[in-house]
Amino acid sequence: MEIRPLHDRVVVKRIEEGEDKTAGGLFIPDSAKEKPQQGEVVAVGNGKKTDDGKVIACDVKAGDRILFGKYSGSDIKLNGNEYLIMREDEILGVISTNGTK
């Protein structure tokens, strides 16, 4: 099953980074971990409609790595995987590698 977001919404899969234990060797339980604030764009809607009916395409595309706010988007579960659906304006930036977007 695939999901196609509407308008200017974006489907994002969080990228898990960080250690499972502290510098002292203590393991951190999942309930105490902060959720990552970066992810990979899985799907993008067609774009935002203006008042005169024109569609402004989204700046991000599937495969982009992005940064987003701590409380951005809505959590969903699809086929056993967890995703976020958020508006494009909730995206703080695109992470580029080697000077490319």
PDB file of N, CA and C in Angstrom:
ATOM      1  N   MET A   1       0.837  -1.169   0.000  1.00  0.00           N
ATOM      2  CA  MET A   1       0.000   0.000   0.000  1.00  0.00           C
ATOM      3  C   MET A   1       0.892   1.246   0.000  1.00  0.00           C
ATOM      4  N   GLU A   2       0.532   2.208  -0.821  1.00  0.00           N
ATOM      5  CA  GLU A   2       1.269   3.462  -0.881  1.00  0.00           C
ATOM      6  C   GLU A   2       0.359   4.599  -0.450  1.00  0.00           C
ATOM      7  N   ILE A   3       0.958   5.701  -0.049  1.00  0.00           N
ATOM      8  CA  ILE A   3       0.193   6.867   0.353  1.00  0.00           C
ATOM      9  C   ILE A   3       0.601   8.041  -0.539  1.00  0.00           C
ATOM     10  N   ARG A   4      -0.389   8.795  -0.977  1.00  0.00           N
ATOM     11  CA  ARG A   4      -0.152   9.988  -1.788  1.00  0.00           C
ATOM     12  C   ARG A   4      -0.717  11.178  -1.034  1.00  0.00           C
ATOM     13  N   PRO A   5       0.151  12.035  -0.518  1.00  0.00           N
ATOM     14  CA  PRO A   5      -0.334  13.193   0.240  1.00  0.00           C
ATOM     15  C   PRO A   5      -1.017  14.197  -0.678  1.00  0.00           C
ATOM     16  N   LEU A   6      -1.931  14.961  -0.121  1.00  0.00           N
ATOM     17  CA  LEU A   6      -2.661  15.958  -0.885  1.00  0.00           C
ATOM     18  C   LEU A   6      -2.045  17.339  -0.697  1.00  0.00           C
ATOM     19  N   HIS A   7      -2.225  18.175  -1.690  1.00  0.00           N
ATOM     20  CA  HIS A   7      -1.826  19.589  -1.676  1.00  0.00           C
ATOM     21  C   HIS A   7      -0.353  19.755  -1.318  1.00  0.00           C
ATOM     22  N   ASP A   8      -0.056  20.525  -0.274  1.00  0.00           N
ATOM     23  CA  ASP A   8       1.347  20.808   0.063  1.00  0.00           C
ATOM     24  C   ASP A   8       1.845  19.935   1.220  1.00  0.00           C
ATOM     25  N   ARG A   9       1.242  18.790   1.394  1.00  0.00           N
ATOM     26  CA  ARG A   9       1.668  17.893   2.476  1.00  0.00           C
ATOM     27  C   ARG A   9       2.787  16.969   1.999  1.00  0.00           C
ATOM     28  N   VAL A  10       3.594  16.531   2.982  1.00  0.00           N
ATOM     29  CA  VAL A  10       4.762  15.709   2.713  1.00  0.00           C
ATOM     30  C   VAL A  10       4.751  14.525   3.677  1.00  0.00           C
ATOM     31  N   VAL A  11       5.054  13.328   3.182  1.00  0.00           N
ATOM     32  CA  VAL A  11       5.186  12.139   4.034  1.00  0.00           C
ATOM     33  C   VAL A  11       6.672  11.936   4.305  1.00  0.00           C
ATOM     34  N   VAL A  12       7.020  11.817   5.596  1.00  0.00           N
ATOM     35  CA  VAL A  12       8.418  11.746   6.015  1.00  0.00           C
ATOM     36  C   VAL A  12       8.634  10.521   6.893  1.00  0.00           C
ATOM     37  N   LYS A  13       9.746   9.826   6.671  1.00  0.00           N
ATOM     38  CA  LYS A  13      10.167   8.732   7.555  1.00  0.00           C
ATOM     39  C   LYS A  13      11.323   9.263   8.387  1.00  0.00           C
ATOM     40  N   ARG A  14      11.171   9.195   9.715  1.00  0.00           N
ATOM     41  CA  ARG A  14      12.225   9.688  10.604  1.00  0.00           C
ATOM     42  C   ARG A  14      13.509   8.896  10.396  1.00  0.00           C
ATOM     43  N   ILE A  15      14.631   9.588  10.507  1.00  0.00           N
ATOM     44  CA  ILE A  15      15.946   8.945  10.430  1.00  0.00           C
ATOM     45  C   ILE A  15      16.466   8.831  11.854  1.00  0.00           C
ATOM     46  N   GLU A  16      16.628   7.605  12.304  1.00  0.00           N
ATOM     47  CA  GLU A  16      17.107   7.349  13.664  1.00  0.00           C
ATOM     48  C   GLU A  16      18.608   7.560  13.715  1.00  0.00           C
ATOM     49  N   GLU A  17      19.034   8.461  14.585  1.00  0.00           N
ATOM     50  CA  GLU A  17      20.452   8.692  14.792  1.00  0.00           C
ATOM     51  C   GLU A  17      20.712   8.757  16.279  1.00  0.00           C
ATOM     52  N   GLY A  18      21.936   8.511  16.650  1.00  0.00           N
ATOM     53  CA  GLY A  18      22.287   8.625  18.062  1.00  0.00           C
ATOM     54  C   GLY A  18      22.599   7.279  18.675  1.00  0.00           C
ATOM     55  N   GLU A  19      23.026   7.361  19.892  1.00  0.00           N
ATOM     56  CA  GLU A  19      23.446   6.180  20.633  1.00  0.00           C
ATOM     57  C   GLU A  19      22.301   5.631  21.475  1.00  0.00           C
ATOM     58  N   ASP A  20      22.351   4.325  21.742  1.00  0.00           N
ATOM     59  CA  ASP A  20      21.390   3.681  22.632  1.00  0.00           C
ATOM     60  C   ASP A  20      21.891   3.659  24.068  1.00  0.00           C
ATOM     61  N   LYS A  21      23.115   4.180  24.283  1.00  0.00           N
ATOM     62  CA  LYS A  21      23.625   4.211  25.648  1.00  0.00           C
ATOM     63  C   LYS A  21      24.405   5.499  25.892  1.00  0.00           C
ATOM     64  N   THR A  22      24.538   5.840  27.148  1.00  0.00           N
ATOM     65  CA  THR A  22      25.242   7.060  27.532  1.00  0.00           C
ATOM     66  C   THR A  22      26.749   6.834  27.471  1.00  0.00           C
ATOM     67  N   ALA A  23      27.506   7.922  27.669  1.00  0.00           N
ATOM     68  CA  ALA A  23      28.971   7.817  27.681  1.00  0.00           C
ATOM     69  C   ALA A  23      29.453   6.915  28.810  1.00  0.00           C
ATOM     70  N   GLY A  24      28.667   6.838  29.891  1.00  0.00           N
ATOM     71  CA  GLY A  24      29.022   5.990  31.026  1.00  0.00           C
ATOM     72  C   GLY A  24      28.650   4.531  30.835  1.00  0.00           C
ATOM     73  N   GLY A  25      27.964   4.213  29.745  1.00  0.00           N
ATOM     74  CA  GLY A  25      27.617   2.829  29.439  1.00  0.00           C
ATOM     75  C   GLY A  25      26.208   2.428  29.817  1.00  0.00           C
ATOM     76  N   LEU A  26      25.387   3.368  30.292  1.00  0.00           N
ATOM     77  CA  LEU A  26      23.995   3.051  30.640  1.00  0.00           C
ATOM     78  C   LEU A  26      23.118   3.057  29.398  1.00  0.00           C
ATOM     79  N   PHE A  27      22.254   2.068  29.279  1.00  0.00           N
ATOM     80  CA  PHE A  27      21.358   2.005  28.138  1.00  0.00           C
ATOM     81  C   PHE A  27      20.168   2.944  28.348  1.00  0.00           C
ATOM     82  N   ILE A  28      19.774   3.631  27.278  1.00  0.00           N
ATOM     83  CA  ILE A  28      18.665   4.578  27.329  1.00  0.00           C
ATOM     84  C   ILE A  28      17.414   3.890  26.791  1.00  0.00           C
ATOM     85  N   PRO A  29      16.342   3.792  27.584  1.00  0.00           N
ATOM     86  CA  PRO A  29      15.119   3.161  27.077  1.00  0.00           C
ATOM     87  C   PRO A  29      14.446   4.047  26.027  1.00  0.00           C
ATOM     88  N   ASP A  30      13.654   3.423  25.162  1.00  0.00           N
ATOM     89  CA  ASP A  30      12.975   4.158  24.091  1.00  0.00           C
ATOM     90  C   ASP A  30      12.097   5.275  24.631  1.00  0.00           C
ATOM     91  N   SER A  31      11.494   5.073  25.794  1.00  0.00           N
ATOM     92  CA  SER A  31      10.603   6.089  26.357  1.00  0.00           C
ATOM     93  C   SER A  31      11.352   7.351  26.774  1.00  0.00           C
ATOM     94  N   ALA A  32      12.651   7.255  27.005  1.00  0.00           N
ATOM     95  CA  ALA A  32      13.434   8.409  27.439  1.00  0.00           C
ATOM     96  C   ALA A  32      14.155   9.106  26.283  1.00  0.00           C
ATOM     97  N   LYS A  33      14.159   8.500  25.120  1.00  0.00           N
ATOM     98  CA  LYS A  33      14.855   9.077  23.972  1.00  0.00           C
ATOM     99  C   LYS A  33      14.026  10.197  23.352  1.00  0.00           C
ATOM    100  N   GLU A  34      14.718  11.181  22.822  1.00  0.00           N
ATOM    101  CA  GLU A  34      14.042  12.230  22.058  1.00  0.00           C
ATOM    102  C   GLU A  34      13.858  11.716  20.639  1.00  0.00           C
ATOM    103  N   LYS A  35      12.727  12.044  20.042  1.00  0.00           N
ATOM    104  CA  LYS A  35      12.494  11.633  18.665  1.00  0.00           C
ATOM    105  C   LYS A  35      13.399  12.448  17.748  1.00  0.00           C
ATOM    106  N   PRO A  36      13.939  11.810  16.718  1.00  0.00           N
ATOM    107  CA  PRO A  36      14.812  12.543  15.806  1.00  0.00           C
ATOM    108  C   PRO A  36      14.039  13.632  15.067  1.00  0.00           C
ATOM    109  N   GLN A  37      14.742  14.712  14.750  1.00  0.00           N
ATOM    110  CA  GLN A  37      14.119  15.829  14.073  1.00  0.00           C
ATOM    111  C   GLN A  37      14.595  15.950  12.638  1.00  0.00           C
ATOM    112  N   GLN A  38      15.030  14.842  12.100  1.00  0.00           N
ATOM    113  CA  GLN A  38      15.342  14.817  10.683  1.00  0.00           C
ATOM    114  C   GLN A  38      14.783  13.546  10.078  1.00  0.00           C
ATOM    115  N   GLY A  39      14.538  13.602   8.790  1.00  0.00           N
ATOM    116  CA  GLY A  39      13.942  12.455   8.139  1.00  0.00           C
ATOM    117  C   GLY A  39      14.144  12.497   6.646  1.00  0.00           C
ATOM    118  N   GLU A  40      13.625  11.471   6.000  1.00  0.00           N
ATOM    119  CA  GLU A  40      13.707  11.367   4.546  1.00  0.00           C
ATOM    120  C   GLU A  40      12.301  11.489   3.975  1.00  0.00           C
ATOM    121  N   VAL A  41      12.177  12.318   2.957  1.00  0.00           N
ATOM    122  CA  VAL A  41      10.886  12.523   2.304  1.00  0.00           C
ATOM    123  C   VAL A  41      10.547  11.268   1.511  1.00  0.00           C
ATOM    124  N   VAL A  42       9.351  10.717   1.769  1.00  0.00           N
ATOM    125  CA  VAL A  42       8.899   9.506   1.092  1.00  0.00           C
ATOM    126  C   VAL A  42       7.981   9.864  -0.075  1.00  0.00           C
ATOM    127  N   ALA A  43       7.085  10.830   0.133  1.00  0.00           N
ATOM    128  CA  ALA A  43       6.139  11.235  -0.914  1.00  0.00           C
ATOM    129  C   ALA A  43       5.789  12.703  -0.720  1.00  0.00           C
ATOM    130  N   VAL A  44       5.448  13.362  -1.829  1.00  0.00           N
ATOM    131  CA  VAL A  44       5.131  14.787  -1.820  1.00  0.00           C
ATOM    132  C   VAL A  44       3.833  15.008  -2.585  1.00  0.00           C
ATOM    133  N   GLY A  45       3.002  15.898  -2.066  1.00  0.00           N
ATOM    134  CA  GLY A  45       1.768  16.254  -2.758  1.00  0.00           C
ATOM    135  C   GLY A  45       2.043  17.125  -3.981  1.00  0.00           C
ATOM    136  N   ASN A  46       0.986  17.475  -4.709  1.00  0.00           N
ATOM    137  CA  ASN A  46       1.134  18.256  -5.939  1.00  0.00           C
ATOM    138  C   ASN A  46       1.561  19.692  -5.695  1.00  0.00           C
ATOM    139  N   GLY A  47       1.202  20.258  -4.574  1.00  0.00           N
ATOM    140  CA  GLY A  47       1.576  21.632  -4.271  1.00  0.00           C
ATOM    141  C   GLY A  47       0.424  22.408  -3.672  1.00  0.00           C
ATOM    142  N   LYS A  48       0.730  23.630  -3.278  1.00  0.00           N
ATOM    143  CA  LYS A  48      -0.249  24.487  -2.619  1.00  0.00           C
ATOM    144  C   LYS A  48      -1.037  25.271  -3.661  1.00  0.00           C
ATOM    145  N   LYS A  49      -2.360  25.343  -3.473  1.00  0.00           N
ATOM    146  CA  LYS A  49      -3.204  26.111  -4.385  1.00  0.00           C
ATOM    147  C   LYS A  49      -3.316  27.541  -3.884  1.00  0.00           C
ATOM    148  N   THR A  50      -3.158  28.480  -4.791  1.00  0.00           N
ATOM    149  CA  THR A  50      -3.323  29.883  -4.447  1.00  0.00           C
ATOM    150  C   THR A  50      -4.798  30.255  -4.570  1.00  0.00           C
ATOM    151  N   ASP A  51      -5.129  31.483  -4.167  1.00  0.00           N
ATOM    152  CA  ASP A  51      -6.527  31.934  -4.222  1.00  0.00           C
ATOM    153  C   ASP A  51      -7.074  31.973  -5.641  1.00  0.00           C
ATOM    154  N   ASP A  52      -6.195  32.198  -6.624  1.00  0.00           N
ATOM    155  CA  ASP A  52      -6.670  32.255  -8.015  1.00  0.00           C
ATOM    156  C   ASP A  52      -6.628  30.892  -8.713  1.00  0.00           C
ATOM    157  N   GLY A  53      -6.355  29.810  -7.968  1.00  0.00           N
ATOM    158  CA  GLY A  53      -6.432  28.454  -8.519  1.00  0.00           C
ATOM    159  C   GLY A  53      -5.129  27.895  -9.057  1.00  0.00           C
ATOM    160  N   LYS A  54      -4.068  28.677  -9.062  1.00  0.00           N
ATOM    161  CA  LYS A  54      -2.781  28.176  -9.539  1.00  0.00           C
ATOM    162  C   LYS A  54      -2.164  27.267  -8.485  1.00  0.00           C
ATOM    163  N   VAL A  55      -1.382  26.304  -8.932  1.00  0.00           N
ATOM    164  CA  VAL A  55      -0.711  25.371  -8.025  1.00  0.00           C
ATOM    165  C   VAL A  55       0.771  25.705  -7.973  1.00  0.00           C
ATOM    166  N   ILE A  56       1.280  25.942  -6.768  1.00  0.00           N
ATOM    167  CA  ILE A  56       2.707  26.193  -6.560  1.00  0.00           C
ATOM    168  C   ILE A  56       3.332  24.878  -6.112  1.00  0.00           C
ATOM    169  N   ALA A  57       4.220  24.338  -6.930  1.00  0.00           N
ATOM    170  CA  ALA A  57       4.840  23.038  -6.648  1.00  0.00           C
ATOM    171  C   ALA A  57       5.698  23.112  -5.384  1.00  0.00           C
ATOM    172  N   CYS A  58       5.831  21.977  -4.706  1.00  0.00           N
ATOM    173  CA  CYS A  58       6.645  21.891  -3.487  1.00  0.00           C
ATOM    174  C   CYS A  58       8.129  21.966  -3.843  1.00  0.00           C
ATOM    175  N   ASP A  59       8.922  22.529  -2.930  1.00  0.00           N
ATOM    176  CA  ASP A  59      10.370  22.637  -3.132  1.00  0.00           C
ATOM    177  C   ASP A  59      11.106  21.336  -2.836  1.00  0.00           C
ATOM    178  N   VAL A  60      10.524  20.476  -2.005  1.00  0.00           N
ATOM    179  CA  VAL A  60      11.187  19.218  -1.668  1.00  0.00           C
ATOM    180  C   VAL A  60      10.676  18.109  -2.581  1.00  0.00           C
ATOM    181  N   LYS A  61      11.466  17.052  -2.676  1.00  0.00           N
ATOM    182  CA  LYS A  61      11.070  15.901  -3.497  1.00  0.00           C
ATOM    183  C   LYS A  61      11.384  14.617  -2.738  1.00  0.00           C
ATOM    184  N   ALA A  62      10.823  13.524  -3.177  1.00  0.00           N
ATOM    185  CA  ALA A  62      11.067  12.237  -2.532  1.00  0.00           C
ATOM    186  C   ALA A  62      12.565  11.947  -2.542  1.00  0.00           C
ATOM    187  N   GLY A  63      13.071  11.489  -1.403  1.00  0.00           N
ATOM    188  CA  GLY A  63      14.487  11.179  -1.269  1.00  0.00           C
ATOM    189  C   GLY A  63      15.286  12.261  -0.570  1.00  0.00           C
ATOM    190  N   ASP A  64      14.740  13.482  -0.461  1.00  0.00           N
ATOM    191  CA  ASP A  64      15.444  14.563   0.237  1.00  0.00           C
ATOM    192  C   ASP A  64      15.517  14.270   1.726  1.00  0.00           C
ATOM    193  N   ARG A  65      16.641  14.641   2.353  1.00  0.00           N
ATOM    194  CA  ARG A  65      16.767  14.586   3.820  1.00  0.00           C
ATOM    195  C   ARG A  65      16.429  15.967   4.341  1.00  0.00           C
ATOM    196  N   ILE A  66      15.530  16.017   5.324  1.00  0.00           N
ATOM    197  CA  ILE A  66      15.045  17.302   5.813  1.00  0.00           C
ATOM    198  C   ILE A  66      15.163  17.417   7.326  1.00  0.00           C
ATOM    199  N   LEU A  67      15.096  18.650   7.811  1.00  0.00           N
ATOM    200  CA  LEU A  67      15.002  18.958   9.235  1.00  0.00           C
ATOM    201  C   LEU A  67      13.620  19.519   9.496  1.00  0.00           C
ATOM    202  N   PHE A  68      13.036  19.154  10.632  1.00  0.00           N
ATOM    203  CA  PHE A  68      11.715  19.668  10.976  1.00  0.00           C
ATOM    204  C   PHE A  68      11.653  19.900  12.475  1.00  0.00           C
ATOM    205  N   GLY A  69      10.663  20.674  12.905  1.00  0.00           N
ATOM    206  CA  GLY A  69      10.511  21.019  14.313  1.00  0.00           C
ATOM    207  C   GLY A  69      10.108  19.831  15.164  1.00  0.00           C
ATOM    208  N   LYS A  70      10.325  19.972  16.447  1.00  0.00           N
ATOM    209  CA  LYS A  70      10.064  18.908  17.416  1.00  0.00           C
ATOM    210  C   LYS A  70       8.614  18.435  17.406  1.00  0.00           C
ATOM    211  N   TYR A  71       7.682  19.360  17.239  1.00  0.00           N
ATOM    212  CA  TYR A  71       6.264  19.006  17.299  1.00  0.00           C
ATOM    213  C   TYR A  71       5.582  19.096  15.930  1.00  0.00           C
ATOM    214  N   SER A  72       6.343  18.975  14.864  1.00  0.00           N
ATOM    215  CA  SER A  72       5.798  19.089  13.512  1.00  0.00           C
ATOM    216  C   SER A  72       5.071  17.818  13.093  1.00  0.00           C
ATOM    217  N   GLY A  73       4.057  17.992  12.273  1.00  0.00           N
ATOM    218  CA  GLY A  73       3.390  16.880  11.632  1.00  0.00           C
ATOM    219  C   GLY A  73       2.523  16.025  12.532  1.00  0.00           C
ATOM    220  N   SER A  74       1.924  15.030  11.901  1.00  0.00           N
ATOM    221  CA  SER A  74       1.073  14.052  12.586  1.00  0.00           C
ATOM    222  C   SER A  74       1.646  12.669  12.357  1.00  0.00           C
ATOM    223  N   ASP A  75       1.779  11.896  13.427  1.00  0.00           N
ATOM    224  CA  ASP A  75       2.304  10.537  13.322  1.00  0.00           C
ATOM    225  C   ASP A  75       1.250   9.612  12.741  1.00  0.00           C
ATOM    226  N   ILE A  76       1.664   8.766  11.792  1.00  0.00           N
ATOM    227  CA  ILE A  76       0.779   7.734  11.244  1.00  0.00           C
ATOM    228  C   ILE A  76       1.562   6.430  11.172  1.00  0.00           C
ATOM    229  N   LYS A  77       0.838   5.326  11.107  1.00  0.00           N
ATOM    230  CA  LYS A  77       1.446   4.015  10.967  1.00  0.00           C
ATOM    231  C   LYS A  77       0.842   3.372   9.725  1.00  0.00           C
ATOM    232  N   LEU A  78       1.696   2.896   8.824  1.00  0.00           N
ATOM    233  CA  LEU A  78       1.255   2.310   7.566  1.00  0.00           C
ATOM    234  C   LEU A  78       2.106   1.082   7.277  1.00  0.00           C
ATOM    235  N   ASN A  79       1.470  -0.072   7.135  1.00  0.00           N
ATOM    236  CA  ASN A  79       2.175  -1.328   6.873  1.00  0.00           C
ATOM    237  C   ASN A  79       3.247  -1.617   7.916  1.00  0.00           C
ATOM    238  N   GLY A  80       2.985  -1.255   9.173  1.00  0.00           N
ATOM    239  CA  GLY A  80       3.932  -1.521  10.241  1.00  0.00           C
ATOM    240  C   GLY A  80       5.057  -0.501  10.349  1.00  0.00           C
ATOM    241  N   ASN A  81       5.106   0.469   9.455  1.00  0.00           N
ATOM    242  CA  ASN A  81       6.134   1.514   9.496  1.00  0.00           C
ATOM    243  C   ASN A  81       5.527   2.817  10.005  1.00  0.00           C
ATOM    244  N   GLU A  82       6.325   3.585  10.733  1.00  0.00           N
ATOM    245  CA  GLU A  82       5.849   4.860  11.255  1.00  0.00           C
ATOM    246  C   GLU A  82       6.324   5.995  10.362  1.00  0.00           C
ATOM    247  N   TYR A  83       5.411   6.910  10.050  1.00  0.00           N
ATOM    248  CA  TYR A  83       5.697   8.064   9.208  1.00  0.00           C
ATOM    249  C   TYR A  83       5.121   9.309   9.852  1.00  0.00           C
ATOM    250  N   LEU A  84       5.508  10.450   9.322  1.00  0.00           N
ATOM    251  CA  LEU A  84       4.937  11.741   9.688  1.00  0.00           C
ATOM    252  C   LEU A  84       4.314  12.342   8.438  1.00  0.00           C
ATOM    253  N   ILE A  85       3.174  12.972   8.592  1.00  0.00           N
ATOM    254  CA  ILE A  85       2.615  13.769   7.510  1.00  0.00           C
ATOM    255  C   ILE A  85       2.619  15.207   7.993  1.00  0.00           C
ATOM    256  N   MET A  86       3.255  16.078   7.219  1.00  0.00           N
ATOM    257  CA  MET A  86       3.344  17.479   7.613  1.00  0.00           C
ATOM    258  C   MET A  86       3.186  18.376   6.401  1.00  0.00           C
ATOM    259  N   ARG A  87       2.851  19.623   6.659  1.00  0.00           N
ATOM    260  CA  ARG A  87       2.798  20.613   5.593  1.00  0.00           C
ATOM    261  C   ARG A  87       4.224  21.013   5.232  1.00  0.00           C
ATOM    262  N   GLU A  88       4.394  21.426   3.997  1.00  0.00           N
ATOM    263  CA  GLU A  88       5.732  21.805   3.553  1.00  0.00           C
ATOM    264  C   GLU A  88       6.289  22.976   4.369  1.00  0.00           C
ATOM    265  N   ASP A  89       5.434  23.880   4.818  1.00  0.00           N
ATOM    266  CA  ASP A  89       5.936  25.028   5.573  1.00  0.00           C
ATOM    267  C   ASP A  89       6.410  24.662   6.982  1.00  0.00           C
ATOM    268  N   GLU A  90       6.201  23.415   7.427  1.00  0.00           N
ATOM    269  CA  GLU A  90       6.736  22.952   8.705  1.00  0.00           C
ATOM    270  C   GLU A  90       8.176  22.456   8.571  1.00  0.00           C
ATOM    271  N   ILE A  91       8.651  22.308   7.337  1.00  0.00           N
ATOM    272  CA  ILE A  91      10.015  21.849   7.090  1.00  0.00           C
ATOM    273  C   ILE A  91      10.955  23.025   7.297  1.00  0.00           C
ATOM    274  N   LEU A  92      11.974  22.831   8.122  1.00  0.00           N
ATOM    275  CA  LEU A  92      12.916  23.900   8.440  1.00  0.00           C
ATOM    276  C   LEU A  92      14.035  24.027   7.418  1.00  0.00           C
ATOM    277  N   GLY A  93      14.427  22.919   6.801  1.00  0.00           N
ATOM    278  CA  GLY A  93      15.509  22.973   5.812  1.00  0.00           C
ATOM    279  C   GLY A  93      15.766  21.620   5.209  1.00  0.00           C
ATOM    280  N   VAL A  94      16.523  21.632   4.111  1.00  0.00           N
ATOM    281  CA  VAL A  94      16.917  20.412   3.412  1.00  0.00           C
ATOM    282  C   VAL A  94      18.409  20.208   3.678  1.00  0.00           C
ATOM    283  N   ILE A  95      18.777  19.006   4.077  1.00  0.00           N
ATOM    284  CA  ILE A  95      20.178  18.678   4.362  1.00  0.00           C
ATOM    285  C   ILE A  95      20.835  18.293   3.052  1.00  0.00           C
ATOM    286  N   SER A  96      21.881  19.027   2.697  1.00  0.00           N
ATOM    287  CA  SER A  96      22.567  18.725   1.441  1.00  0.00           C
ATOM    288  C   SER A  96      23.898  18.055   1.741  1.00  0.00           C
ATOM    289  N   THR A  97      24.359  17.279   0.777  1.00  0.00           N
ATOM    290  CA  THR A  97      25.658  16.634   0.890  1.00  0.00           C
ATOM    291  C   THR A  97      26.508  17.061  -0.298  1.00  0.00           C
ATOM    292  N   ASN A  98      27.759  17.384  -0.032  1.00  0.00           N
ATOM    293  CA  ASN A  98      28.687  17.807  -1.066  1.00  0.00           C
ATOM    294  C   ASN A  98      28.209  18.990  -1.885  1.00  0.00           C
ATOM    295  N   GLY A  99      27.521  19.914  -1.241  1.00  0.00           N
ATOM    296  CA  GLY A  99      27.100  21.132  -1.913  1.00  0.00           C
ATOM    297  C   GLY A  99      25.912  20.980  -2.830  1.00  0.00           C
ATOM    298  N   THR A 100      25.256  19.812  -2.848  1.00  0.00           N
ATOM    299  CA  THR A 100      24.083  19.625  -3.688  1.00  0.00           C
ATOM    300  C   THR A 100      22.848  19.507  -2.820  1.00  0.00           C
ATOM    301  N   LYS A 101      21.717  19.828  -3.390  1.00  0.00           N
ATOM    302  CA  LYS A 101      20.455  19.743  -2.668  1.00  0.00           C
ATOM    303  C   LYS A 101      19.904  18.354  -2.744  1.00  0.00           C
TER     304      LYS A 101
END
